[in-house]
Every structure is written in structure tokens, then in C-alpha cells.
Amino acid sequence: MDTEMVVGMSHDWTADLWDWPLQQDTVIRTVNTKERFEVALDAKGFRPNEIEIKCLGHELWVHCKHEQTEDSYGSIRREFHRAYHLPEDVDTSTLKSHLRRDGTLLIEAKKIA
């Protein structure tokens, strides 16, 4: 039986950084070589504490949720889920993620030798 694992995330955000996106979130790129697997997602508009990344077996789950906020123009709530089946030669114990200042969420792992 596979054990669910939470993938920790590093980031270089500061508390005063906030950029509201003008486009929908998309996959920016995927890299799958003999040495590594990498996926980069557009997570603009989400803070590090609004992003959860989990791995169960070779299924990678990304959940981003921005709680509802209200102002004089109305209310806003954003959320998305992504699921990826990782290649069988990905070493899931090496999974790590990083949220860059530009809003790119990078998830990477080494391959089994």
C-alpha cells in the first residue's frame, strides 16, 4: 500500500509581495529526462501557504486555494487542482518544490538510477 507524502515547499516571497494574474493558470513546461523530472506551473496569485502538494505512490497532486476576499467591487475566490501520474522511474522520495517570486511553482525529482 502506498503512503501519502506531503511535499514541502521553499519560496522566496516576501510578505508585501502580491501580484494579481490577468490570465488563467497553465502548465508552463514539463521536463522528463533520464536524470530528472520537472513540472512548472503558473501559480500567480497564490501565496505559499495557499498551495498544498502531495504525492501518493506515483500520483502527484497540487491544490491551490485563495480564500474568498471582499472589497467594494465584489468578492473573489480562486482555486485549482492538478494531478499528474509520475513516470515509474521517478524517485518520489526526492520530490521538492519551490515557488518563485514570478509565481512559477517548480516541482522536481530525481530519477532512479
Protein backbone atom coordinates (compact mmCIF):
# COMPACT_ATOMS: atom_id res chain seq x y z
CA MET A 1 0.00 0.00 0.00
CA ASP A 2 1.32 3.44 -0.92
CA THR A 3 1.75 6.07 1.77
CA GLU A 4 0.64 9.65 1.16
CA MET A 5 3.51 12.10 1.41
CA VAL A 6 3.31 15.88 1.72
CA VAL A 7 5.94 17.61 -0.41
CA GLY A 8 7.46 20.61 1.38
CA MET A 9 7.85 23.89 -0.50
CA SER A 10 10.51 26.55 -0.30
CA HIS A 11 9.85 30.08 -1.55
CA ASP A 12 11.40 33.47 -2.00
CA TRP A 13 8.28 35.52 -1.36
CA THR A 14 8.12 38.45 0.99
CA ALA A 15 5.02 39.36 2.97
CA ASP A 16 4.42 42.51 0.91
CA LEU A 17 4.58 40.76 -2.48
CA TRP A 18 1.24 40.39 -4.27
CA ASP A 19 0.52 40.25 -7.97
CA TRP A 20 -2.96 39.53 -9.29
CA PRO A 21 -2.84 37.48 -12.53
CA LEU A 22 -4.58 38.60 -15.71
CA GLN A 23 -4.59 35.15 -17.28
CA GLN A 24 -5.64 31.62 -16.38
CA ASP A 25 -3.20 29.29 -14.67
CA THR A 26 -1.41 26.90 -17.03
CA VAL A 27 1.40 24.41 -17.19
CA ILE A 28 4.47 26.33 -18.27
CA ARG A 29 6.68 23.33 -19.03
CA THR A 30 7.40 19.70 -18.26
CA VAL A 31 10.86 18.12 -18.40
CA ASN A 32 11.34 14.35 -18.36
CA THR A 33 14.94 13.22 -18.92
CA LYS A 34 16.97 10.19 -17.78
CA GLU A 35 18.23 12.19 -14.80
CA ARG A 36 15.21 14.21 -13.63
CA PHE A 37 11.50 15.01 -13.86
CA GLU A 38 10.27 18.60 -13.55
CA VAL A 39 6.96 20.38 -13.96
CA ALA A 40 6.49 24.14 -13.74
CA LEU A 41 3.04 25.63 -13.11
CA ASP A 42 1.75 29.17 -13.22
CA ALA A 43 0.62 29.78 -9.63
CA LYS A 44 0.44 33.58 -9.77
CA GLY A 45 -1.98 34.98 -7.25
CA PHE A 46 -1.36 32.24 -4.69
CA ARG A 47 0.80 32.66 -1.61
CA PRO A 48 2.99 29.82 -0.30
CA ASN A 49 0.52 29.00 2.49
CA GLU A 50 -2.28 28.64 -0.11
CA ILE A 51 -0.50 25.84 -2.00
CA GLU A 52 -0.53 22.17 -1.00
CA ILE A 53 1.46 19.48 -2.82
CA LYS A 54 1.04 15.78 -2.05
CA CYS A 55 2.27 12.54 -3.53
CA LEU A 56 0.58 9.14 -3.17
CA GLY A 57 2.54 6.42 -4.91
CA HIS A 58 3.31 7.93 -8.30
CA GLU A 59 0.35 10.35 -8.28
CA LEU A 60 1.32 13.98 -7.67
CA TRP A 61 -1.46 16.33 -6.53
CA VAL A 62 -1.28 20.12 -6.49
CA HIS A 63 -4.05 22.13 -4.81
CA CYS A 64 -4.03 25.94 -4.76
CA LYS A 65 -6.78 27.81 -2.95
CA HIS A 66 -7.15 31.54 -2.35
CA GLU A 67 -9.91 32.09 0.20
CA GLN A 68 -12.73 34.45 -0.63
CA THR A 69 -11.94 38.12 -0.15
CA GLU A 70 -14.34 41.01 -0.49
CA ASP A 71 -13.87 44.64 -1.36
CA SER A 72 -16.04 47.46 -2.69
CA TYR A 73 -16.14 45.79 -6.15
CA GLY A 74 -17.33 42.37 -5.00
CA SER A 75 -15.77 39.12 -3.87
CA ILE A 76 -13.04 36.92 -5.28
CA ARG A 77 -12.23 33.25 -4.66
CA ARG A 78 -9.72 31.24 -6.70
CA GLU A 79 -8.90 27.55 -6.60
CA PHE A 80 -7.39 24.92 -8.86
CA HIS A 81 -6.34 21.28 -8.68
CA ARG A 82 -3.79 19.49 -10.83
CA ALA A 83 -2.95 15.79 -10.79
CA TYR A 84 -0.01 14.14 -12.55
CA HIS A 85 0.92 10.50 -12.94
CA LEU A 86 4.66 10.49 -12.43
CA PRO A 87 6.82 8.23 -14.60
CA GLU A 88 7.67 4.94 -12.85
CA ASP A 89 11.39 5.80 -12.76
CA VAL A 90 10.85 8.97 -10.67
CA ASP A 91 12.30 8.68 -7.16
CA THR A 92 9.37 10.18 -5.23
CA SER A 93 11.48 10.48 -2.06
CA THR A 94 13.46 13.25 -3.83
CA LEU A 95 10.41 15.37 -4.72
CA LYS A 96 10.80 19.03 -3.83
CA SER A 97 9.03 22.22 -4.85
CA HIS A 98 9.82 25.90 -4.96
CA LEU A 99 7.55 28.91 -5.53
CA ARG A 100 9.48 31.60 -7.39
CA ARG A 101 8.81 35.33 -7.00
CA ASP A 102 7.29 35.45 -10.50
CA GLY A 103 4.58 32.97 -9.42
CA THR A 104 6.08 29.90 -11.09
CA LEU A 105 5.69 26.77 -8.97
CA LEU A 106 8.52 24.37 -9.78
CA ILE A 107 8.21 20.71 -8.74
CA GLU A 108 11.13 18.40 -9.41
CA ALA A 109 12.53 14.97 -8.56
CA LYS A 110 15.49 12.81 -9.46
CA LYS A 111 15.16 9.61 -11.46
CA ILE A 112 16.01 6.16 -10.10
CA ALA A 113 19.46 5.17 -11.36
